[in-house]
């Protein structure tokens, strides 16, 4: 343990008015314009995630600067005309950038190809988070963490970050510096430095459970998700939709089509809204729909084919899905897609296929 102390002061610009104020209120300006902050931090201990929290003016940013110096991330000047994937450091390979973006819950390829300033506030926060983690430093302290996003986005984003750190996708120590206490249970820090009480606590809070509900949907739900799908924004007229909801609000959709025969289905669309990405909601919906089709509708086969890294990772890691094949150049159009050549198919890109284990 180390006690970190920071002294912040500013020089007095002496003037007649300043002297008048000092005399009117009997204020010793030399004393009042100096702030001292001190708190114990576990700088030399073994940990993954830390949290420095306190109201504005409590000294959290000053302590972070004193403790972590240049490792404090205070924002990035994103180029206005470049896609966010092009703004990352040159030495990073595209696959590494994509992995970083997915690990913080920014899993939408269309968003990766847009400039930072056109993204939603929640997407901008996650892009900033990914940029901070692209540093070569072994530790990153993120100042003003979640200060500009709504609280639900802040909570889900914090849970997604912790999930990726626990899974080993992010190999860094991370310190959140924030005035918001509501993210603590979602980020699950290994230690919390409370600037208002001046106390350091070592514990990992239990993350709240998400009450995810899955129900039958319809094509009227699709417009909410269409622009976030990485291929075609349209939904096949013959597709059946299932919707995942949190607090009775739709957050993800899964659509299936009969696959050549009556008792076989293939997943044709799987989309999670950006604010809820990174928590495994899409994977939970996929598993739930597949289980329903097999157990309740006696499907003999449920399959999914795709090239999105998050889908492939989920199916590879899950005992419920079995790898079937890999088509390195995709598949040519057939059936409906041959009759509608304006609809996108997988030709020209690698596609992995998986079958659900019944």
Protein backbone atom coordinates (compact mmCIF):
# COMPACT_ATOMS: atom_id res chain seq x y z
CA UNK A 1 0.00 0.00 0.00
CA UNK A 2 1.12 3.55 -0.73
CA UNK A 3 -0.26 6.88 0.45
CA UNK A 4 -0.64 9.19 -2.52
CA UNK A 5 -0.69 12.90 -1.73
CA UNK A 6 -1.42 15.76 -4.10
CA UNK A 7 -1.23 19.50 -3.45
CA UNK A 8 -3.10 21.73 -5.87
CA UNK A 9 -2.67 25.49 -5.73
CA UNK A 10 -2.94 28.51 -7.96
CA UNK A 11 -1.28 31.90 -7.86
CA UNK A 12 -3.30 34.93 -6.87
CA UNK A 13 -3.59 37.60 -9.55
CA UNK A 14 -3.39 40.55 -7.20
CA UNK A 15 -5.69 43.48 -7.91
CA UNK A 16 -7.74 46.12 -6.14
CA UNK A 17 -10.90 43.99 -6.41
CA UNK A 18 -9.15 40.87 -5.13
CA UNK A 19 -7.89 42.81 -2.11
CA UNK A 20 -11.40 44.20 -1.54
CA UNK A 21 -12.92 40.69 -1.53
CA UNK A 22 -10.18 39.44 0.79
CA UNK A 23 -10.81 42.31 3.20
CA UNK A 24 -14.64 42.13 3.07
CA UNK A 25 -14.70 38.46 4.06
CA UNK A 26 -11.44 38.23 5.99
CA UNK A 27 -10.17 35.55 3.61
CA UNK A 28 -6.54 34.48 3.60
CA UNK A 29 -6.18 33.83 -0.10
CA UNK A 30 -2.87 32.01 0.19
CA UNK A 31 -4.58 29.34 2.31
CA UNK A 32 -7.88 29.12 0.43
CA UNK A 33 -6.24 28.72 -2.98
CA UNK A 34 -4.34 25.60 -1.91
CA UNK A 35 -5.96 22.14 -1.66
CA UNK A 36 -4.32 19.04 -0.23
CA UNK A 37 -5.56 15.54 -1.02
CA UNK A 38 -4.24 12.24 0.31
CA UNK A 39 -5.47 8.65 0.16
CA UNK A 40 -4.02 5.15 0.29
CA UNK A 41 -3.82 3.22 -3.00
CA UNK A 42 -2.69 -0.41 -3.56
CA UNK A 43 -0.17 0.51 -6.22
CA UNK A 44 2.15 -2.43 -5.64
CA UNK A 45 -0.49 -5.11 -5.06
CA UNK A 46 -1.94 -7.68 -7.44
CA UNK A 47 -5.24 -6.44 -8.89
CA UNK A 48 -7.01 -5.90 -12.22
CA UNK A 49 -9.60 -3.13 -11.79
CA UNK A 50 -9.61 -0.14 -9.46
CA UNK A 51 -12.07 2.68 -8.83
CA UNK A 52 -11.37 6.21 -7.61
CA UNK A 53 -14.70 7.87 -6.84
CA UNK A 54 -15.81 11.18 -5.39
CA UNK A 55 -17.84 14.27 -6.09
CA UNK A 56 -16.51 17.12 -8.21
CA UNK A 57 -13.70 18.89 -6.37
CA UNK A 58 -12.89 15.94 -4.11
CA UNK A 59 -9.44 15.51 -5.65
CA UNK A 60 -9.93 12.28 -7.58
CA UNK A 61 -8.36 13.60 -10.80
CA UNK A 62 -5.45 15.15 -8.90
CA UNK A 63 -4.76 11.89 -7.06
CA UNK A 64 -4.99 9.92 -10.32
CA UNK A 65 -2.53 12.29 -11.99
CA UNK A 66 -0.12 12.00 -9.06
CA UNK A 67 -0.37 8.21 -8.89
CA UNK A 68 -0.46 7.31 -12.59
CA UNK A 69 0.98 10.30 -14.47
CA UNK A 70 0.95 9.85 -18.25
CA UNK A 71 -1.10 6.67 -17.92
CA UNK A 72 -4.21 8.77 -17.23
CA UNK A 73 -6.45 8.95 -20.31
CA UNK A 74 -8.22 12.30 -20.60
CA UNK A 75 -9.64 12.00 -24.08
CA UNK A 76 -8.42 11.79 -27.65
CA UNK A 77 -8.68 14.26 -30.52
CA UNK A 78 -10.47 12.08 -33.08
CA UNK A 79 -9.97 13.08 -36.73
CA UNK A 80 -13.25 14.31 -38.18
CA UNK A 81 -12.95 12.71 -41.58
CA UNK A 82 -11.50 9.33 -40.64
CA UNK A 83 -13.32 6.18 -39.65
CA UNK A 84 -12.60 5.31 -36.03
CA UNK A 85 -10.67 2.18 -37.09
CA UNK A 86 -8.27 4.45 -39.00
CA UNK A 87 -7.63 6.65 -35.96
CA UNK A 88 -5.93 3.94 -33.89
CA UNK A 89 -2.12 3.78 -33.74
CA UNK A 90 -0.51 2.58 -36.97
CA UNK A 91 1.33 -0.40 -35.43
CA UNK A 92 -1.99 -2.01 -34.41
CA UNK A 93 -3.33 -4.57 -36.87
CA UNK A 94 -6.97 -4.30 -37.92
CA UNK A 95 -7.82 -7.55 -36.14
CA UNK A 96 -6.42 -6.16 -32.89
CA UNK A 97 -8.46 -2.96 -33.28
CA UNK A 98 -11.61 -4.97 -33.92
CA UNK A 99 -10.88 -7.12 -30.87
CA UNK A 100 -10.53 -4.01 -28.72
CA UNK A 101 -13.78 -2.50 -30.01
CA UNK A 102 -15.69 -5.72 -29.41
CA UNK A 103 -14.17 -6.14 -25.94
CA UNK A 104 -15.66 -2.80 -24.80
CA UNK A 105 -19.05 -3.59 -26.33
CA UNK A 106 -18.78 -1.62 -29.58
CA UNK A 107 -19.60 -4.61 -31.77
CA UNK A 108 -21.24 -2.99 -34.79
CA UNK A 109 -19.04 -2.96 -37.94
CA UNK A 110 -21.00 -0.02 -39.45
CA UNK A 111 -20.02 2.02 -36.38
CA UNK A 112 -16.35 1.09 -36.80
CA UNK A 113 -16.37 2.65 -40.26
CA UNK A 114 -17.87 5.98 -39.19
CA UNK A 115 -16.07 9.07 -37.88
CA UNK A 116 -16.21 9.50 -34.12
CA UNK A 117 -18.34 12.66 -34.17
CA UNK A 118 -21.30 10.99 -35.94
CA UNK A 119 -21.57 8.15 -33.42
CA UNK A 120 -24.08 8.20 -30.59
CA UNK A 121 -22.85 9.39 -27.20
CA UNK A 122 -22.75 5.81 -25.93
CA UNK A 123 -20.78 4.63 -28.97
CA UNK A 124 -18.35 7.53 -28.58
CA UNK A 125 -17.74 6.54 -24.95
CA UNK A 126 -16.96 2.97 -25.95
CA UNK A 127 -14.69 4.11 -28.78
CA UNK A 128 -12.81 6.31 -26.29
CA UNK A 129 -12.54 3.34 -23.95
CA UNK A 130 -11.08 1.19 -26.73
CA UNK A 131 -8.65 3.96 -27.66
CA UNK A 132 -7.45 4.24 -24.07
CA UNK A 133 -6.83 0.49 -24.00
CA UNK A 134 -4.80 0.64 -27.23
CA UNK A 135 -1.98 2.20 -25.22
CA UNK A 136 1.21 0.18 -24.83
CA UNK A 137 1.15 0.87 -21.08
CA UNK A 138 0.33 -1.98 -18.73
CA UNK A 139 -2.03 0.29 -16.78
CA UNK A 140 -4.71 2.73 -17.93
CA UNK A 141 -6.55 5.21 -15.70
CA UNK A 142 -9.65 6.64 -17.39
CA UNK A 143 -10.57 10.10 -16.06
CA UNK A 144 -14.24 11.21 -16.10
CA UNK A 145 -15.27 7.59 -16.65
CA UNK A 146 -18.94 7.34 -17.85
CA UNK A 147 -19.51 11.04 -17.15
CA UNK A 148 -21.16 11.76 -20.51
CA UNK A 149 -23.43 8.73 -20.97
CA UNK A 150 -26.79 7.73 -19.58
CA UNK A 151 -26.62 5.51 -16.54
CA UNK A 152 -27.89 2.33 -18.22
CA UNK A 153 -25.21 2.62 -20.91
CA UNK A 154 -22.63 3.30 -18.17
CA UNK A 155 -23.66 0.19 -16.25
CA UNK A 156 -23.75 -2.17 -19.24
CA UNK A 157 -20.49 -0.75 -20.59
CA UNK A 158 -18.80 -1.27 -17.21
CA UNK A 159 -20.00 -4.86 -17.04
CA UNK A 160 -18.78 -5.50 -20.60
CA UNK A 161 -15.34 -4.11 -19.73
CA UNK A 162 -15.03 -6.26 -16.60
CA UNK A 163 -16.19 -9.33 -18.53
CA UNK A 164 -13.48 -8.80 -21.15
CA UNK A 165 -10.80 -8.26 -18.51
CA UNK A 166 -11.81 -11.44 -16.67
CA UNK A 167 -11.78 -13.38 -19.96
CA UNK A 168 -8.24 -12.20 -20.68
CA UNK A 169 -9.20 -10.19 -23.77
CA UNK A 170 -7.79 -7.07 -22.11
CA UNK A 171 -4.40 -7.65 -20.51
CA UNK A 172 -4.09 -4.42 -18.53
CA UNK A 173 -4.78 -2.97 -15.13
CA UNK A 174 -7.64 -0.48 -15.40
CA UNK A 175 -8.59 2.35 -13.04
CA UNK A 176 -11.89 4.19 -13.44
CA UNK A 177 -11.89 7.76 -12.12
CA UNK A 178 -15.46 8.99 -11.75
CA UNK A 179 -18.03 10.88 -9.73
CA UNK A 180 -20.65 8.17 -10.38
CA UNK A 181 -21.03 5.48 -7.74
CA UNK A 182 -23.70 3.51 -9.58
CA UNK A 183 -21.18 1.75 -11.83
CA UNK A 184 -19.31 0.12 -8.92
CA UNK A 185 -21.42 -3.04 -8.79
CA UNK A 186 -21.22 -3.42 -12.58
CA UNK A 187 -17.49 -2.75 -12.92
CA UNK A 188 -16.75 -4.94 -9.87
CA UNK A 189 -13.48 -3.18 -8.93
CA UNK A 190 -10.94 -5.03 -6.80
CA UNK A 191 -10.50 -1.86 -4.75
CA UNK A 192 -12.34 1.43 -4.27
CA UNK A 193 -10.68 4.69 -3.19
CA UNK A 194 -13.45 6.95 -1.87
CA UNK A 195 -12.18 10.52 -1.96
CA UNK A 196 -15.01 11.83 0.20
CA UNK A 197 -14.42 9.47 3.11
CA UNK A 198 -10.67 9.21 2.47
CA UNK A 199 -10.90 5.42 2.76
CA UNK A 200 -9.60 2.57 0.63
CA UNK A 201 -11.67 -0.63 0.60
CA UNK A 202 -10.64 -3.95 -0.91
CA UNK A 203 -13.58 -6.01 -2.11
CA UNK A 204 -15.27 -7.13 -5.29
CA UNK A 205 -18.97 -6.35 -5.34
CA UNK A 206 -21.45 -8.77 -6.79
CA UNK A 207 -22.79 -7.74 -10.19
CA UNK A 208 -26.58 -7.23 -10.42
CA UNK A 209 -28.45 -9.88 -12.39
CA UNK A 210 -30.11 -8.91 -15.66
CA UNK A 211 -33.70 -10.13 -15.97
CA UNK A 212 -33.63 -10.97 -19.68
CA UNK A 213 -36.95 -12.08 -21.16
CA UNK A 214 -37.31 -13.79 -24.57
CA UNK A 215 -40.60 -13.75 -26.43
CA UNK A 216 -41.95 -14.14 -29.94
CA UNK A 217 -41.66 -10.96 -31.98
CA UNK A 218 -42.67 -9.86 -35.45
CA UNK A 219 -41.45 -7.77 -38.36
CA UNK A 220 -42.62 -4.58 -36.65
CA UNK A 221 -39.69 -4.95 -34.22
CA UNK A 222 -37.08 -5.07 -36.98
CA UNK A 223 -36.77 -1.32 -37.81
CA UNK A 224 -35.36 -0.69 -34.32
CA UNK A 225 -32.46 -3.06 -35.07
CA UNK A 226 -32.08 -2.80 -38.86
CA UNK A 227 -29.38 -0.12 -39.06
CA UNK A 228 -27.21 -1.97 -36.55
CA UNK A 229 -26.95 -5.17 -38.62
CA UNK A 230 -23.62 -5.43 -40.33
CA UNK A 231 -24.97 -6.77 -43.63
CA UNK A 232 -28.39 -6.06 -45.11
CA UNK A 233 -30.84 -3.83 -43.19
CA UNK A 234 -33.79 -5.84 -44.52
CA UNK A 235 -35.44 -8.89 -42.99
CA UNK A 236 -36.54 -11.83 -45.11
CA UNK A 237 -40.36 -11.78 -45.35
CA UNK A 238 -40.50 -15.46 -44.36
CA UNK A 239 -38.38 -15.04 -41.22
CA UNK A 240 -39.70 -15.57 -37.69
CA UNK A 241 -38.49 -13.12 -35.06
CA UNK A 242 -37.73 -13.53 -31.35
CA UNK A 243 -37.05 -10.50 -29.15
CA UNK A 244 -35.05 -10.19 -25.91
CA UNK A 245 -36.28 -7.52 -23.50
CA UNK A 246 -34.91 -5.83 -20.37
CA UNK A 247 -37.36 -3.89 -18.23
CA UNK A 248 -39.94 -4.61 -20.97
CA UNK A 249 -37.80 -2.76 -23.54
CA UNK A 250 -36.47 -4.62 -26.64
CA UNK A 251 -32.66 -4.90 -26.57
CA UNK A 252 -31.89 -7.72 -29.03
CA UNK A 253 -33.54 -9.65 -31.86
CA UNK A 254 -32.99 -13.08 -33.42
CA UNK A 255 -34.67 -14.11 -36.68
CA UNK A 256 -34.82 -17.64 -38.11
CA UNK A 257 -35.79 -19.21 -41.42
CA UNK A 258 -36.77 -22.75 -42.31
CA UNK A 259 -33.63 -24.36 -43.67
CA UNK A 260 -34.65 -26.40 -46.72
CA UNK A 261 -36.99 -28.61 -44.69
CA UNK A 262 -39.77 -28.13 -42.16
CA UNK A 263 -37.92 -29.31 -39.04
CA UNK A 264 -34.67 -27.41 -39.68
CA UNK A 265 -33.95 -23.76 -38.98
CA UNK A 266 -31.10 -21.38 -39.59
CA UNK A 267 -30.49 -18.10 -37.81
CA UNK A 268 -30.59 -15.30 -40.37
CA UNK A 269 -30.34 -12.23 -38.12
CA UNK A 270 -28.90 -11.64 -34.65
CA UNK A 271 -28.63 -8.02 -33.49
CA UNK A 272 -28.12 -6.39 -30.09
CA UNK A 273 -28.67 -2.65 -29.67
CA UNK A 274 -25.35 -0.78 -29.20
CA UNK A 275 -26.05 0.29 -25.60
CA UNK A 276 -26.41 -3.35 -24.56
CA UNK A 277 -23.51 -4.93 -26.45
CA UNK A 278 -20.65 -6.68 -24.71
CA UNK A 279 -22.66 -8.38 -21.96
CA UNK A 280 -23.43 -11.61 -23.82
CA UNK A 281 -27.09 -10.73 -24.40
CA UNK A 282 -26.91 -11.73 -28.07
CA UNK A 283 -25.41 -15.09 -27.17
CA UNK A 284 -28.04 -15.69 -24.48
CA UNK A 285 -30.79 -14.89 -26.98
CA UNK A 286 -29.24 -17.18 -29.60
CA UNK A 287 -29.03 -20.06 -27.12
CA UNK A 288 -32.55 -19.45 -25.85
CA UNK A 289 -34.10 -19.40 -29.32
CA UNK A 290 -32.21 -22.55 -30.39
CA UNK A 291 -33.28 -24.38 -27.22
CA UNK A 292 -36.91 -23.37 -27.79
CA UNK A 293 -36.89 -24.60 -31.38
CA UNK A 294 -35.38 -27.95 -30.40
CA UNK A 295 -37.30 -28.59 -27.18
CA UNK A 296 -40.68 -27.02 -27.92
CA UNK A 297 -40.97 -27.27 -31.69
CA UNK A 298 -38.98 -30.50 -32.12
CA UNK A 299 -36.54 -29.04 -34.61
CA UNK A 300 -33.97 -31.56 -35.82
CA UNK A 301 -31.44 -28.92 -36.79
CA UNK A 302 -30.72 -25.32 -35.78
CA UNK A 303 -27.74 -23.69 -37.45
CA UNK A 304 -26.06 -20.32 -37.69
CA UNK A 305 -23.50 -19.06 -40.21
CA UNK A 306 -21.64 -15.82 -39.87
CA UNK A 307 -18.41 -13.89 -39.99
CA UNK A 308 -18.86 -11.55 -37.02
CA UNK A 309 -16.08 -12.25 -34.47
CA UNK A 310 -18.44 -12.00 -31.48
CA UNK A 311 -20.80 -14.67 -32.88
CA UNK A 312 -17.93 -16.98 -33.81
CA UNK A 313 -16.31 -16.55 -30.38
CA UNK A 314 -19.58 -17.32 -28.58
CA UNK A 315 -20.25 -20.48 -30.59
CA UNK A 316 -16.65 -21.69 -30.30
CA UNK A 317 -16.65 -21.16 -26.53
CA UNK A 318 -20.09 -22.64 -25.89
CA UNK A 319 -20.66 -26.38 -25.36
CA UNK A 320 -24.11 -25.87 -26.87
CA UNK A 321 -22.77 -25.24 -30.37
CA UNK A 322 -20.68 -27.50 -32.58
CA UNK A 323 -18.48 -26.21 -35.39
CA UNK A 324 -19.72 -27.49 -38.76
CA UNK A 325 -17.61 -25.95 -41.50
CA UNK A 326 -15.75 -22.90 -42.75
CA UNK A 327 -16.32 -21.47 -46.20
CA UNK A 328 -13.38 -19.19 -46.88
CA UNK A 329 -15.09 -17.45 -49.79
CA UNK A 330 -18.66 -17.63 -48.56
CA UNK A 331 -21.63 -19.13 -50.40
CA UNK A 332 -23.27 -18.31 -53.71
CA UNK A 333 -26.84 -17.05 -53.85
CA UNK A 334 -29.58 -19.67 -53.98
CA UNK A 335 -33.36 -19.83 -53.58
CA UNK A 336 -34.78 -16.51 -52.39
CA UNK A 337 -31.43 -14.76 -52.77
CA UNK A 338 -31.02 -15.90 -56.39
CA UNK A 339 -34.44 -14.43 -57.15
CA UNK A 340 -33.53 -11.20 -55.29
CA UNK A 341 -29.95 -10.36 -56.36
CA UNK A 342 -30.08 -6.99 -54.55
CA UNK A 343 -29.99 -8.85 -51.19
CA UNK A 344 -26.49 -9.46 -49.82
CA UNK A 345 -25.07 -12.97 -49.49
CA UNK A 346 -21.82 -14.23 -47.99
CA UNK A 347 -19.97 -14.64 -51.29
CA UNK A 348 -16.49 -13.17 -51.01
CA UNK A 349 -16.01 -13.37 -47.24
CA UNK A 350 -15.14 -16.18 -44.85
CA UNK A 351 -18.13 -17.67 -43.06
CA UNK A 352 -18.13 -20.16 -40.17
CA UNK A 353 -21.13 -22.44 -39.59
CA UNK A 354 -22.26 -24.02 -36.33
CA UNK A 355 -24.97 -26.51 -35.36
CA UNK A 356 -26.83 -26.43 -32.05
CA UNK A 357 -26.30 -29.52 -29.89
CA UNK A 358 -29.72 -30.92 -28.98
